[in-house]
C-alpha atoms as a PDB file:
ATOM      1  CA  MET A   1      -0.818  26.270  28.423  1.00  0.00           C
ATOM      2  CA  LYS A   2      -3.542  26.051  25.839  1.00  0.00           C
ATOM      3  CA  TYR A   3      -6.433  25.366  28.213  1.00  0.00           C
ATOM      4  CA  GLY A   4      -5.095  26.942  31.400  1.00  0.00           C
ATOM      5  CA  TRP A   5      -7.251  30.061  31.504  1.00  0.00           C
ATOM      6  CA  ARG A   6     -10.313  28.175  30.337  1.00  0.00           C
ATOM      7  CA  LEU A   7      -9.939  25.649  33.163  1.00  0.00           C
ATOM      8  CA  LEU A   8      -9.780  28.515  35.636  1.00  0.00           C
ATOM      9  CA  PHE A   9     -12.421  30.945  34.392  1.00  0.00           C
ATOM     10  CA  VAL A  10     -15.245  28.633  33.285  1.00  0.00           C
ATOM     11  CA  PRO A  11     -15.708  26.790  36.627  1.00  0.00           C
ATOM     12  CA  LEU A  12     -15.236  30.061  38.504  1.00  0.00           C
ATOM     13  CA  TRP A  13     -18.025  31.754  36.549  1.00  0.00           C
ATOM     14  CA  VAL A  14     -20.334  28.717  36.711  1.00  0.00           C
ATOM     15  CA  LEU A  15     -19.962  28.275  40.456  1.00  0.00           C
ATOM     16  CA  CYS A  16     -20.288  31.994  41.232  1.00  0.00           C
ATOM     17  CA  ILE A  17     -23.482  32.365  39.210  1.00  0.00           C
ATOM     18  CA  ALA A  18     -24.974  29.137  40.566  1.00  0.00           C
ATOM     19  CA  GLY A  19     -24.120  30.174  44.117  1.00  0.00           C
ATOM     20  CA  ALA A  20     -25.684  33.604  43.704  1.00  0.00           C
ATOM     21  CA  VAL A  21     -28.858  32.130  42.216  1.00  0.00           C
ATOM     22  CA  LEU A  22     -29.046  29.495  44.947  1.00  0.00           C
ATOM     23  CA  THR A  23     -28.625  32.181  47.605  1.00  0.00           C
ATOM     24  CA  ALA A  24     -31.502  34.117  46.061  1.00  0.00           C
ATOM     25  CA  PHE A  25     -33.682  30.996  45.927  1.00  0.00           C
ATOM     26  CA  LEU A  26     -32.968  30.172  49.560  1.00  0.00           C
ATOM     27  CA  ALA A  27     -33.649  33.788  50.564  1.00  0.00           C
ATOM     28  CA  PHE A  28     -37.086  33.490  48.944  1.00  0.00           C
ATOM     29  CA  ASP A  29     -37.642  30.323  50.997  1.00  0.00           C
ATOM     30  CA  TRP A  30     -37.474  27.926  48.069  1.00  0.00           C
ATOM     31  CA  VAL A  31     -35.783  24.974  49.749  1.00  0.00           C
ATOM     32  CA  GLY A  32     -35.517  21.623  48.033  1.00  0.00           C
ATOM     33  CA  TRP A  33     -33.605  19.729  45.425  1.00  0.00           C
ATOM     34  CA  GLN A  34     -35.336  21.693  42.672  1.00  0.00           C
ATOM     35  CA  ALA A  35     -33.695  24.931  43.829  1.00  0.00           C
ATOM     36  CA  PHE A  36     -30.273  23.306  43.614  1.00  0.00           C
ATOM     37  CA  ALA A  37     -30.991  21.801  40.200  1.00  0.00           C
ATOM     38  CA  VAL A  38     -32.345  25.034  38.730  1.00  0.00           C
ATOM     39  CA  SER A  39     -29.473  27.099  40.114  1.00  0.00           C
ATOM     40  CA  GLY A  40     -26.994  24.606  38.672  1.00  0.00           C
ATOM     41  CA  MET A  41     -28.652  24.799  35.258  1.00  0.00           C
ATOM     42  CA  ILE A  42     -28.670  28.602  35.336  1.00  0.00           C
ATOM     43  CA  GLY A  43     -25.023  28.557  36.402  1.00  0.00           C
ATOM     44  CA  LEU A  44     -24.096  26.307  33.481  1.00  0.00           C
ATOM     45  CA  LEU A  45     -26.142  28.209  30.915  1.00  0.00           C
ATOM     46  CA  ALA A  46     -24.793  31.615  31.941  1.00  0.00           C
ATOM     47  CA  GLY A  47     -21.375  30.689  33.318  1.00  0.00           C
ATOM     48  CA  VAL A  48     -19.895  28.733  30.413  1.00  0.00           C
ATOM     49  CA  PRO A  49     -20.309  31.542  27.845  1.00  0.00           C
ATOM     50  CA  ALA A  50     -19.151  34.113  30.405  1.00  0.00           C
ATOM     51  CA  GLY A  51     -16.071  32.049  31.258  1.00  0.00           C
ATOM     52  CA  LEU A  52     -15.181  31.565  27.606  1.00  0.00           C
ATOM     53  CA  TRP A  53     -15.678  35.274  26.931  1.00  0.00           C
ATOM     54  CA  ASN A  54     -13.432  36.101  29.892  1.00  0.00           C
ATOM     55  CA  THR A  55     -10.767  33.698  28.617  1.00  0.00           C
ATOM     56  CA  PHE A  56     -10.749  35.265  25.159  1.00  0.00           C
ATOM     57  CA  LYS A  57     -10.718  38.772  26.655  1.00  0.00           C
ATOM     58  CA  VAL A  58      -7.668  38.017  28.800  1.00  0.00           C
ATOM     59  CA  ARG A  59      -5.841  36.501  25.841  1.00  0.00           C
ATOM     60  CA  ARG A  60      -6.800  39.365  23.531  1.00  0.00           C
ATOM     61  CA  GLU A  61      -5.693  42.114  25.931  1.00  0.00           C
ATOM     62  CA  ASP A  62      -2.438  40.482  27.063  1.00  0.00           C
ATOM     63  CA  PRO A  63       0.419  42.033  25.054  1.00  0.00           C
ATOM     64  CA  ASP A  64       2.749  39.124  25.855  1.00  0.00           C
ATOM     65  CA  TRP A  65       0.333  36.373  24.775  1.00  0.00           C
ATOM     66  CA  ASN A  66       1.827  34.214  22.030  1.00  0.00           C
ATOM     67  CA  ARG A  67      -0.962  33.875  19.463  1.00  0.00           C
ATOM     68  CA  SER A  68       0.814  31.333  17.289  1.00  0.00           C
ATOM     69  CA  PRO A  69       0.854  27.708  18.471  1.00  0.00           C
ATOM     70  CA  SER A  70       4.167  26.296  19.582  1.00  0.00           C
ATOM     71  CA  ARG A  71       5.900  24.135  16.985  1.00  0.00           C
ATOM     72  CA  SER A  72       8.471  22.745  19.413  1.00  0.00           C
ATOM     73  CA  GLY A  73       6.334  19.766  20.392  1.00  0.00           C
ATOM     74  CA  ALA A  74       6.329  20.698  24.076  1.00  0.00           C
ATOM     75  CA  ILE A  75       2.959  20.814  25.745  1.00  0.00           C
END
């Protein structure tokens, strides 16, 4: 499971940040495709690094995480 946490945390962070920004834009009465585009860009720019950081933090703090790659050939 090399990419398992990354596939979970990165989209979760991106979508949460984009949704929060879009909610703020709509609350300030900015309605249009630009609000959706800008919130998506902000979600990507802030969410990808946050998701990667969260992935590395979970791996670093898990005492049972196997840090060496498997040599058995199984994926």
